[in-house]
Amino acid sequence: MEQQLYGLIGFPAMHSKSPRMHNAAMKKLNINAKYQAFEFSPNQLSVEVERLRHLNIQGFNVTMPFKNKIIDYLDGIDDLANQLQSVNTVQNVNGKWIGHSTDGNGFWQTINSHPKTVVLIGSGGAARSILASKPNDVTIHVFNHHSVRFKQHAKEIKKLKNIELEDLANIRATLPETNLVINATNVGMRDDASILSKADFELMNGGSAVDIIYRDQPTKFLEYANSAGLKTKNGLDMLVSQGALSFEIWFRQKAPIELMNEVVNK
């Protein structure tokens, strides 16, 4: 039987730990498949989608900047992905590509602290996924830079959870009552920038900070949070958790999440 192909599309994508994680899981469960990263620039999306169809890919994950753009190439999306207009998991069902979103549920599965008040920074696909899947007893404030897309993003956030998108310039008033702050932007992915300063974190009375970015060295966001006495976590737990949910959509069996955690943390 021919080995089935799975993968990840993104820009960048070659740095991703997803292939290591999924290939280890497939091997453990004796699944005859391989998972690889496909990195290409946004203007190549149409061409690369055709190539993936030609390769008969059986499922793939989607990361920045394609979580919204991929929807135009799918045959269907589930209710949550439709609500978010964001897809991070595509399943091949008898030749039809169906989109799902596992980001939000994956994120909240990694939070053990039961925060009452949360600050979420960002309003893109990942941020909206986290917002849509939030526990009912969590109060969440969503902030972003006031850019040309602010009004459009504000409409989407309002429609999603009836929450007003707030200007990041006003965040300091909310931080003292915040138990958890989440960076769901890509600020700090490729440089030493941080969306909040150390002084901002010092306004919080302890609590936690999560940066959904993962890289070998802590981001400046997490460095500042740590030095202000907060518990910190990068995006690796979320990567594993959302990846395990993707795995279960594709293979309809429980993902070996402990092994997946072990592999990405090596």
C-alpha atoms as a PDB file:
ATOM      1  CA  MET A   1       0.000   0.000   0.000  1.00  0.00           C
ATOM      2  CA  GLU A   2       1.310   3.413  -1.019  1.00  0.00           C
ATOM      3  CA  GLN A   3       2.468   5.724   1.770  1.00  0.00           C
ATOM      4  CA  GLN A   4      -0.013   8.545   2.355  1.00  0.00           C
ATOM      5  CA  LEU A   5       1.118  12.173   2.412  1.00  0.00           C
ATOM      6  CA  TYR A   6       0.283  14.757   5.077  1.00  0.00           C
ATOM      7  CA  GLY A   7       1.902  18.119   5.697  1.00  0.00           C
ATOM      8  CA  LEU A   8       1.979  21.758   6.697  1.00  0.00           C
ATOM      9  CA  ILE A   9       1.723  24.829   4.487  1.00  0.00           C
ATOM     10  CA  GLY A  10       3.018  28.211   5.628  1.00  0.00           C
ATOM     11  CA  PHE A  11       5.483  31.030   5.076  1.00  0.00           C
ATOM     12  CA  PRO A  12       7.752  30.384   6.869  1.00  0.00           C
ATOM     13  CA  ALA A  13       7.219  26.657   7.477  1.00  0.00           C
ATOM     14  CA  MET A  14      10.601  24.893   7.306  1.00  0.00           C
ATOM     15  CA  HIS A  15      11.378  25.757  10.954  1.00  0.00           C
ATOM     16  CA  SER A  16       8.265  23.923  12.150  1.00  0.00           C
ATOM     17  CA  LYS A  17       8.413  21.052  14.630  1.00  0.00           C
ATOM     18  CA  SER A  18       5.131  19.662  13.284  1.00  0.00           C
ATOM     19  CA  PRO A  19       6.800  17.131  10.920  1.00  0.00           C
ATOM     20  CA  ARG A  20       8.901  15.703  13.768  1.00  0.00           C
ATOM     21  CA  MET A  21       5.840  15.458  16.003  1.00  0.00           C
ATOM     22  CA  HIS A  22       3.441  13.922  13.477  1.00  0.00           C
ATOM     23  CA  ASN A  23       5.963  11.513  11.964  1.00  0.00           C
ATOM     24  CA  ALA A  24       6.766  10.165  15.452  1.00  0.00           C
ATOM     25  CA  ALA A  25       3.045   9.738  16.185  1.00  0.00           C
ATOM     26  CA  MET A  26       2.403   7.961  12.864  1.00  0.00           C
ATOM     27  CA  LYS A  27       5.340   5.628  13.407  1.00  0.00           C
ATOM     28  CA  LYS A  28       4.188   4.732  16.919  1.00  0.00           C
ATOM     29  CA  LEU A  29       0.690   3.850  15.703  1.00  0.00           C
ATOM     30  CA  ASN A  30       1.977   1.994  12.597  1.00  0.00           C
ATOM     31  CA  ILE A  31       0.281   4.394  10.196  1.00  0.00           C
ATOM     32  CA  ASN A  32       1.743   4.171   6.688  1.00  0.00           C
ATOM     33  CA  ALA A  33       2.110   7.908   6.118  1.00  0.00           C
ATOM     34  CA  LYS A  34       4.621  10.751   6.163  1.00  0.00           C
ATOM     35  CA  TYR A  35       4.264  14.426   7.084  1.00  0.00           C
ATOM     36  CA  GLN A  36       6.359  17.219   5.606  1.00  0.00           C
ATOM     37  CA  ALA A  37       6.516  21.019   5.515  1.00  0.00           C
ATOM     38  CA  PHE A  38       5.704  22.957   2.343  1.00  0.00           C
ATOM     39  CA  GLU A  39       7.023  26.520   2.466  1.00  0.00           C
ATOM     40  CA  PHE A  40       6.126  28.998  -0.274  1.00  0.00           C
ATOM     41  CA  SER A  41       5.374  32.695  -0.635  1.00  0.00           C
ATOM     42  CA  PRO A  42       1.756  33.919  -0.618  1.00  0.00           C
ATOM     43  CA  ASN A  43       1.743  34.644  -4.355  1.00  0.00           C
ATOM     44  CA  GLN A  44       2.417  30.936  -5.004  1.00  0.00           C
ATOM     45  CA  LEU A  45      -0.638  29.666  -3.127  1.00  0.00           C
ATOM     46  CA  SER A  46      -2.743  28.774  -6.203  1.00  0.00           C
ATOM     47  CA  VAL A  47       0.114  26.887  -7.855  1.00  0.00           C
ATOM     48  CA  GLU A  48       1.034  25.039  -4.644  1.00  0.00           C
ATOM     49  CA  VAL A  49      -2.575  24.053  -3.919  1.00  0.00           C
ATOM     50  CA  GLU A  50      -2.738  22.473  -7.390  1.00  0.00           C
ATOM     51  CA  ARG A  51       0.497  20.618  -6.659  1.00  0.00           C
ATOM     52  CA  LEU A  52      -0.879  19.288  -3.353  1.00  0.00           C
ATOM     53  CA  ARG A  53      -4.044  18.089  -5.091  1.00  0.00           C
ATOM     54  CA  HIS A  54      -1.880  16.375  -7.723  1.00  0.00           C
ATOM     55  CA  LEU A  55       0.130  14.712  -4.909  1.00  0.00           C
ATOM     56  CA  ASN A  56      -3.203  13.483  -3.443  1.00  0.00           C
ATOM     57  CA  ILE A  57      -2.351  14.853  -0.008  1.00  0.00           C
ATOM     58  CA  GLN A  58      -4.649  13.292   2.604  1.00  0.00           C
ATOM     59  CA  GLY A  59      -4.530  16.119   5.127  1.00  0.00           C
ATOM     60  CA  PHE A  60      -2.509  19.169   6.053  1.00  0.00           C
ATOM     61  CA  ASN A  61      -2.104  21.884   8.638  1.00  0.00           C
ATOM     62  CA  VAL A  62      -2.182  25.556   7.731  1.00  0.00           C
ATOM     63  CA  THR A  63      -0.144  28.279   9.413  1.00  0.00           C
ATOM     64  CA  MET A  64       0.477  31.986   8.741  1.00  0.00           C
ATOM     65  CA  PRO A  65      -0.300  33.629   6.392  1.00  0.00           C
ATOM     66  CA  PHE A  66      -2.698  31.123   4.787  1.00  0.00           C
ATOM     67  CA  LYS A  67      -5.305  30.374   7.483  1.00  0.00           C
ATOM     68  CA  ASN A  68      -7.857  32.634   5.853  1.00  0.00           C
ATOM     69  CA  LYS A  69      -6.711  32.469   2.224  1.00  0.00           C
ATOM     70  CA  ILE A  70      -6.890  28.647   2.054  1.00  0.00           C
ATOM     71  CA  ILE A  71     -10.697  28.772   2.485  1.00  0.00           C
ATOM     72  CA  ASP A  72     -11.108  29.802  -1.190  1.00  0.00           C
ATOM     73  CA  TYR A  73      -9.574  26.469  -2.233  1.00  0.00           C
ATOM     74  CA  LEU A  74     -11.604  24.170   0.023  1.00  0.00           C
ATOM     75  CA  ASP A  75     -14.738  22.169  -0.751  1.00  0.00           C
ATOM     76  CA  GLY A  76     -16.252  22.810   2.675  1.00  0.00           C
ATOM     77  CA  ILE A  77     -15.498  24.029   6.199  1.00  0.00           C
ATOM     78  CA  ASP A  78     -16.985  23.127   9.568  1.00  0.00           C
ATOM     79  CA  ASP A  79     -19.110  25.544  11.597  1.00  0.00           C
ATOM     80  CA  LEU A  80     -16.293  26.803  13.831  1.00  0.00           C
ATOM     81  CA  ALA A  81     -13.935  27.450  10.900  1.00  0.00           C
ATOM     82  CA  ASN A  82     -16.772  29.246   9.111  1.00  0.00           C
ATOM     83  CA  GLN A  83     -17.484  31.363  12.171  1.00  0.00           C
ATOM     84  CA  LEU A  84     -13.780  32.254  12.457  1.00  0.00           C
ATOM     85  CA  GLN A  85     -13.040  32.429   8.736  1.00  0.00           C
ATOM     86  CA  SER A  86      -9.825  30.652   9.715  1.00  0.00           C
ATOM     87  CA  VAL A  87      -8.644  27.103   9.001  1.00  0.00           C
ATOM     88  CA  ASN A  88      -5.604  25.347  10.440  1.00  0.00           C
ATOM     89  CA  THR A  89      -6.477  21.741   9.555  1.00  0.00           C
ATOM     90  CA  VAL A  90      -7.586  20.340   6.195  1.00  0.00           C
ATOM     91  CA  GLN A  91      -8.943  16.823   5.831  1.00  0.00           C
ATOM     92  CA  ASN A  92      -9.216  14.978   2.499  1.00  0.00           C
ATOM     93  CA  VAL A  93     -12.585  13.184   2.506  1.00  0.00           C
ATOM     94  CA  ASN A  94     -12.918  11.126  -0.700  1.00  0.00           C
ATOM     95  CA  GLY A  95     -11.149  13.811  -2.707  1.00  0.00           C
ATOM     96  CA  LYS A  96     -12.984  16.725  -1.080  1.00  0.00           C
ATOM     97  CA  TRP A  97     -10.942  19.110   1.079  1.00  0.00           C
ATOM     98  CA  ILE A  98     -12.735  20.006   4.336  1.00  0.00           C
ATOM     99  CA  GLY A  99     -11.393  22.731   6.651  1.00  0.00           C
ATOM    100  CA  HIS A 100     -11.391  22.720  10.466  1.00  0.00           C
ATOM    101  CA  SER A 101      -9.979  24.918  13.240  1.00  0.00           C
ATOM    102  CA  THR A 102      -8.275  23.199  16.190  1.00  0.00           C
ATOM    103  CA  ASP A 103      -6.210  26.205  17.348  1.00  0.00           C
ATOM    104  CA  GLY A 104      -8.573  27.541  20.004  1.00  0.00           C
ATOM    105  CA  ASN A 105      -9.505  24.250  21.637  1.00  0.00           C
ATOM    106  CA  GLY A 106      -5.840  23.249  21.459  1.00  0.00           C
ATOM    107  CA  PHE A 107      -4.844  26.442  23.270  1.00  0.00           C
ATOM    108  CA  TRP A 108      -7.331  26.175  26.137  1.00  0.00           C
ATOM    109  CA  GLN A 109      -6.447  22.524  26.753  1.00  0.00           C
ATOM    110  CA  THR A 110      -2.977  23.736  27.774  1.00  0.00           C
ATOM    111  CA  ILE A 111      -4.184  26.310  30.346  1.00  0.00           C
ATOM    112  CA  ASN A 112      -4.445  24.818  33.831  1.00  0.00           C
ATOM    113  CA  SER A 113      -4.664  27.981  35.920  1.00  0.00           C
ATOM    114  CA  HIS A 114      -8.396  28.835  35.469  1.00  0.00           C
ATOM    115  CA  PRO A 115      -7.846  32.573  34.856  1.00  0.00           C
ATOM    116  CA  LYS A 116     -10.821  34.850  35.512  1.00  0.00           C
ATOM    117  CA  THR A 117      -9.660  37.851  33.463  1.00  0.00           C
ATOM    118  CA  VAL A 118      -7.634  37.450  30.285  1.00  0.00           C
ATOM    119  CA  VAL A 119      -5.995  39.951  27.949  1.00  0.00           C
ATOM    120  CA  LEU A 120      -5.659  38.676  24.379  1.00  0.00           C
ATOM    121  CA  ILE A 121      -3.406  40.696  22.058  1.00  0.00           C
ATOM    122  CA  GLY A 122      -4.132  40.238  18.375  1.00  0.00           C
ATOM    123  CA  SER A 123      -7.214  39.871  16.189  1.00  0.00           C
ATOM    124  CA  GLY A 124      -6.065  37.542  13.409  1.00  0.00           C
ATOM    125  CA  GLY A 125      -6.941  33.880  12.883  1.00  0.00           C
ATOM    126  CA  ALA A 126      -5.128  32.499  15.939  1.00  0.00           C
ATOM    127  CA  ALA A 127      -6.522  35.204  18.246  1.00  0.00           C
ATOM    128  CA  ARG A 128     -10.072  34.681  16.999  1.00  0.00           C
ATOM    129  CA  SER A 129      -9.725  30.912  17.471  1.00  0.00           C
ATOM    130  CA  ILE A 130      -8.649  31.432  21.092  1.00  0.00           C
ATOM    131  CA  LEU A 131     -11.506  33.883  21.646  1.00  0.00           C
ATOM    132  CA  ALA A 132     -14.167  31.619  20.103  1.00  0.00           C
ATOM    133  CA  SER A 133     -13.182  28.636  22.258  1.00  0.00           C
ATOM    134  CA  LYS A 134     -12.834  30.476  25.574  1.00  0.00           C
ATOM    135  CA  PRO A 135     -14.454  28.932  28.668  1.00  0.00           C
ATOM    136  CA  ASN A 136     -17.760  30.603  29.585  1.00  0.00           C
ATOM    137  CA  ASP A 137     -16.528  31.790  32.988  1.00  0.00           C
ATOM    138  CA  VAL A 138     -13.538  33.686  31.543  1.00  0.00           C
ATOM    139  CA  THR A 139     -13.759  37.452  30.944  1.00  0.00           C
ATOM    140  CA  ILE A 140     -11.595  38.354  27.984  1.00  0.00           C
ATOM    141  CA  HIS A 141     -10.366  41.741  26.690  1.00  0.00           C
ATOM    142  CA  VAL A 142      -9.034  41.849  23.126  1.00  0.00           C
ATOM    143  CA  PHE A 143      -6.462  44.474  22.111  1.00  0.00           C
ATOM    144  CA  ASN A 144      -4.646  45.291  18.890  1.00  0.00           C
ATOM    145  CA  HIS A 145      -2.644  48.106  17.290  1.00  0.00           C
ATOM    146  CA  HIS A 146      -4.865  50.729  15.698  1.00  0.00           C
ATOM    147  CA  SER A 147      -4.073  49.949  12.047  1.00  0.00           C
ATOM    148  CA  VAL A 148      -5.996  50.362   8.780  1.00  0.00           C
ATOM    149  CA  ARG A 149      -7.616  46.950   9.385  1.00  0.00           C
ATOM    150  CA  PHE A 150      -8.691  47.791  12.944  1.00  0.00           C
ATOM    151  CA  LYS A 151     -12.326  48.584  12.057  1.00  0.00           C
ATOM    152  CA  GLN A 152     -12.731  45.388  10.042  1.00  0.00           C
ATOM    153  CA  HIS A 153     -11.172  43.291  12.800  1.00  0.00           C
ATOM    154  CA  ALA A 154     -13.355  45.060  15.381  1.00  0.00           C
ATOM    155  CA  LYS A 155     -16.470  44.004  13.398  1.00  0.00           C
ATOM    156  CA  GLU A 156     -15.273  40.389  13.289  1.00  0.00           C
ATOM    157  CA  ILE A 157     -14.513  40.304  17.041  1.00  0.00           C
ATOM    158  CA  LYS A 158     -17.903  41.874  17.831  1.00  0.00           C
ATOM    159  CA  LYS A 159     -19.719  39.352  15.642  1.00  0.00           C
ATOM    160  CA  LEU A 160     -17.813  36.451  17.163  1.00  0.00           C
ATOM    161  CA  LYS A 161     -18.318  37.089  20.892  1.00  0.00           C
ATOM    162  CA  ASN A 162     -19.995  40.494  21.205  1.00  0.00           C
ATOM    163  CA  ILE A 163     -16.719  41.945  22.525  1.00  0.00           C
ATOM    164  CA  GLU A 164     -15.287  45.347  21.586  1.00  0.00           C
ATOM    165  CA  LEU A 165     -11.784  45.330  20.091  1.00  0.00           C
ATOM    166  CA  GLU A 166      -9.705  47.779  22.148  1.00  0.00           C
ATOM    167  CA  ASP A 167      -6.764  49.936  21.102  1.00  0.00           C
ATOM    168  CA  LEU A 168      -3.462  48.510  22.360  1.00  0.00           C
ATOM    169  CA  ALA A 169      -2.474  52.044  23.429  1.00  0.00           C
ATOM    170  CA  ASN A 170      -5.041  51.750  26.259  1.00  0.00           C
ATOM    171  CA  ILE A 171      -3.991  48.347  27.608  1.00  0.00           C
ATOM    172  CA  ARG A 172      -2.374  49.596  30.827  1.00  0.00           C
ATOM    173  CA  ALA A 173      -5.754  50.311  32.460  1.00  0.00           C
ATOM    174  CA  THR A 174      -6.760  46.633  32.150  1.00  0.00           C
ATOM    175  CA  LEU A 175      -3.503  44.904  33.144  1.00  0.00           C
ATOM    176  CA  PRO A 176      -3.816  45.274  36.966  1.00  0.00           C
ATOM    177  CA  GLU A 177      -6.944  43.051  36.996  1.00  0.00           C
ATOM    178  CA  THR A 178      -5.532  40.524  34.498  1.00  0.00           C
ATOM    179  CA  ASN A 179      -4.563  36.935  35.437  1.00  0.00           C
ATOM    180  CA  LEU A 180      -3.395  35.826  31.984  1.00  0.00           C
ATOM    181  CA  VAL A 181      -2.001  37.781  29.032  1.00  0.00           C
ATOM    182  CA  ILE A 182      -1.653  36.151  25.617  1.00  0.00           C
ATOM    183  CA  ASN A 183       0.404  37.342  22.651  1.00  0.00           C
ATOM    184  CA  ALA A 184      -1.451  36.021  19.592  1.00  0.00           C
ATOM    185  CA  THR A 185       0.435  38.253  17.131  1.00  0.00           C
ATOM    186  CA  ASN A 186       3.640  37.428  15.252  1.00  0.00           C
ATOM    187  CA  VAL A 187       5.560  40.271  16.967  1.00  0.00           C
ATOM    188  CA  GLY A 188       8.814  38.753  18.189  1.00  0.00           C
ATOM    189  CA  MET A 189       8.773  35.769  15.846  1.00  0.00           C
ATOM    190  CA  ARG A 190      11.827  36.884  13.887  1.00  0.00           C
ATOM    191  CA  ASP A 191      13.321  39.631  16.063  1.00  0.00           C
ATOM    192  CA  ASP A 192      13.649  40.886  19.632  1.00  0.00           C
ATOM    193  CA  ALA A 193      10.537  43.056  19.562  1.00  0.00           C
ATOM    194  CA  SER A 194       7.883  42.730  22.276  1.00  0.00           C
ATOM    195  CA  ILE A 195       4.285  43.898  22.068  1.00  0.00           C
ATOM    196  CA  LEU A 196       4.410  44.770  25.821  1.00  0.00           C
ATOM    197  CA  SER A 197       7.177  46.315  27.909  1.00  0.00           C
ATOM    198  CA  LYS A 198       8.547  45.063  31.213  1.00  0.00           C
ATOM    199  CA  ALA A 199       6.765  47.998  32.888  1.00  0.00           C
ATOM    200  CA  ASP A 200       3.463  46.802  31.392  1.00  0.00           C
ATOM    201  CA  PHE A 201       3.909  43.339  32.913  1.00  0.00           C
ATOM    202  CA  GLU A 202       4.787  44.872  36.277  1.00  0.00           C
ATOM    203  CA  LEU A 203       1.271  46.329  36.415  1.00  0.00           C
ATOM    204  CA  MET A 204      -0.073  42.783  36.784  1.00  0.00           C
ATOM    205  CA  ASN A 205      -0.284  41.242  40.245  1.00  0.00           C
ATOM    206  CA  GLY A 206       1.425  38.008  39.256  1.00  0.00           C
ATOM    207  CA  GLY A 207      -0.412  35.653  36.938  1.00  0.00           C
ATOM    208  CA  SER A 208       0.738  34.138  33.650  1.00  0.00           C
ATOM    209  CA  ALA A 209       1.858  35.117  30.170  1.00  0.00           C
ATOM    210  CA  VAL A 210       1.629  32.939  27.066  1.00  0.00           C
ATOM    211  CA  ASP A 211       3.269  33.714  23.738  1.00  0.00           C
ATOM    212  CA  ILE A 212       1.835  31.475  21.024  1.00  0.00           C
ATOM    213  CA  ILE A 213       5.117  31.897  19.133  1.00  0.00           C
ATOM    214  CA  TYR A 214       7.587  29.117  19.767  1.00  0.00           C
ATOM    215  CA  ARG A 215      11.300  29.284  19.061  1.00  0.00           C
ATOM    216  CA  ASP A 216      14.448  27.945  20.712  1.00  0.00           C
ATOM    217  CA  GLN A 217      15.129  31.108  22.725  1.00  0.00           C
ATOM    218  CA  PRO A 218      12.358  32.805  24.758  1.00  0.00           C
ATOM    219  CA  THR A 219      10.789  35.775  23.003  1.00  0.00           C
ATOM    220  CA  LYS A 220      11.367  39.221  24.488  1.00  0.00           C
ATOM    221  CA  PHE A 221       7.667  39.189  25.485  1.00  0.00           C
ATOM    222  CA  LEU A 222       8.278  36.133  27.705  1.00  0.00           C
ATOM    223  CA  GLU A 223      11.614  37.500  28.991  1.00  0.00           C
ATOM    224  CA  TYR A 224       9.891  40.682  30.175  1.00  0.00           C
ATOM    225  CA  ALA A 225       6.992  38.714  31.688  1.00  0.00           C
ATOM    226  CA  ASN A 226       9.359  36.370  33.486  1.00  0.00           C
ATOM    227  CA  SER A 227      11.428  39.216  34.928  1.00  0.00           C
ATOM    228  CA  ALA A 228       8.184  40.794  36.224  1.00  0.00           C
ATOM    229  CA  GLY A 229       7.457  37.585  38.174  1.00  0.00           C
ATOM    230  CA  LEU A 230       4.866  36.010  35.880  1.00  0.00           C
ATOM    231  CA  LYS A 231       4.668  32.323  35.006  1.00  0.00           C
ATOM    232  CA  THR A 232       5.469  31.965  31.308  1.00  0.00           C
ATOM    233  CA  LYS A 233       4.740  29.520  28.527  1.00  0.00           C
ATOM    234  CA  ASN A 234       5.609  29.568  24.828  1.00  0.00           C
ATOM    235  CA  GLY A 235       3.572  28.143  21.947  1.00  0.00           C
ATOM    236  CA  LEU A 236       4.936  24.588  22.063  1.00  0.00           C
ATOM    237  CA  ASP A 237       2.139  23.207  24.258  1.00  0.00           C
ATOM    238  CA  MET A 238      -0.436  24.747  21.941  1.00  0.00           C
ATOM    239  CA  LEU A 239       1.395  23.347  18.907  1.00  0.00           C
ATOM    240  CA  VAL A 240       1.194  19.836  20.348  1.00  0.00           C
ATOM    241  CA  SER A 241      -2.392  20.166  21.540  1.00  0.00           C
ATOM    242  CA  GLN A 242      -3.809  21.552  18.283  1.00  0.00           C
ATOM    243  CA  GLY A 243      -1.666  19.045  16.371  1.00  0.00           C
ATOM    244  CA  ALA A 244      -3.091  16.154  18.386  1.00  0.00           C
ATOM    245  CA  LEU A 245      -6.614  17.347  17.560  1.00  0.00           C
ATOM    246  CA  SER A 246      -5.664  17.525  13.852  1.00  0.00           C
ATOM    247  CA  PHE A 247      -4.224  14.005  14.070  1.00  0.00           C
ATOM    248  CA  GLU A 248      -7.493  12.728  15.553  1.00  0.00           C
ATOM    249  CA  ILE A 249      -9.506  14.346  12.723  1.00  0.00           C
ATOM    250  CA  TRP A 250      -7.308  12.657  10.097  1.00  0.00           C
ATOM    251  CA  PHE A 251      -6.912   9.216  11.638  1.00  0.00           C
ATOM    252  CA  ARG A 252      -9.973   8.897  13.899  1.00  0.00           C
ATOM    253  CA  GLN A 253      -7.913   7.585  16.768  1.00  0.00           C
ATOM    254  CA  LYS A 254      -6.368   9.060  19.890  1.00  0.00           C
ATOM    255  CA  ALA A 255      -3.078  10.869  19.274  1.00  0.00           C
ATOM    256  CA  PRO A 256      -0.073   9.794  21.398  1.00  0.00           C
ATOM    257  CA  ILE A 257       0.166  13.251  22.956  1.00  0.00           C
ATOM    258  CA  GLU A 258       2.858  12.379  25.514  1.00  0.00           C
ATOM    259  CA  LEU A 259       5.183  11.183  22.735  1.00  0.00           C
ATOM    260  CA  MET A 260       4.371  14.273  20.655  1.00  0.00           C
ATOM    261  CA  ASN A 261       5.244  16.509  23.630  1.00  0.00           C
ATOM    262  CA  GLU A 262       8.462  14.631  24.214  1.00  0.00           C
ATOM    263  CA  VAL A 263       9.537  14.933  20.580  1.00  0.00           C
ATOM    264  CA  VAL A 264       8.968  18.693  20.233  1.00  0.00           C
ATOM    265  CA  ASN A 265      10.697  19.461  23.532  1.00  0.00           C
ATOM    266  CA  LYS A 266      13.927  17.646  22.586  1.00  0.00           C
END
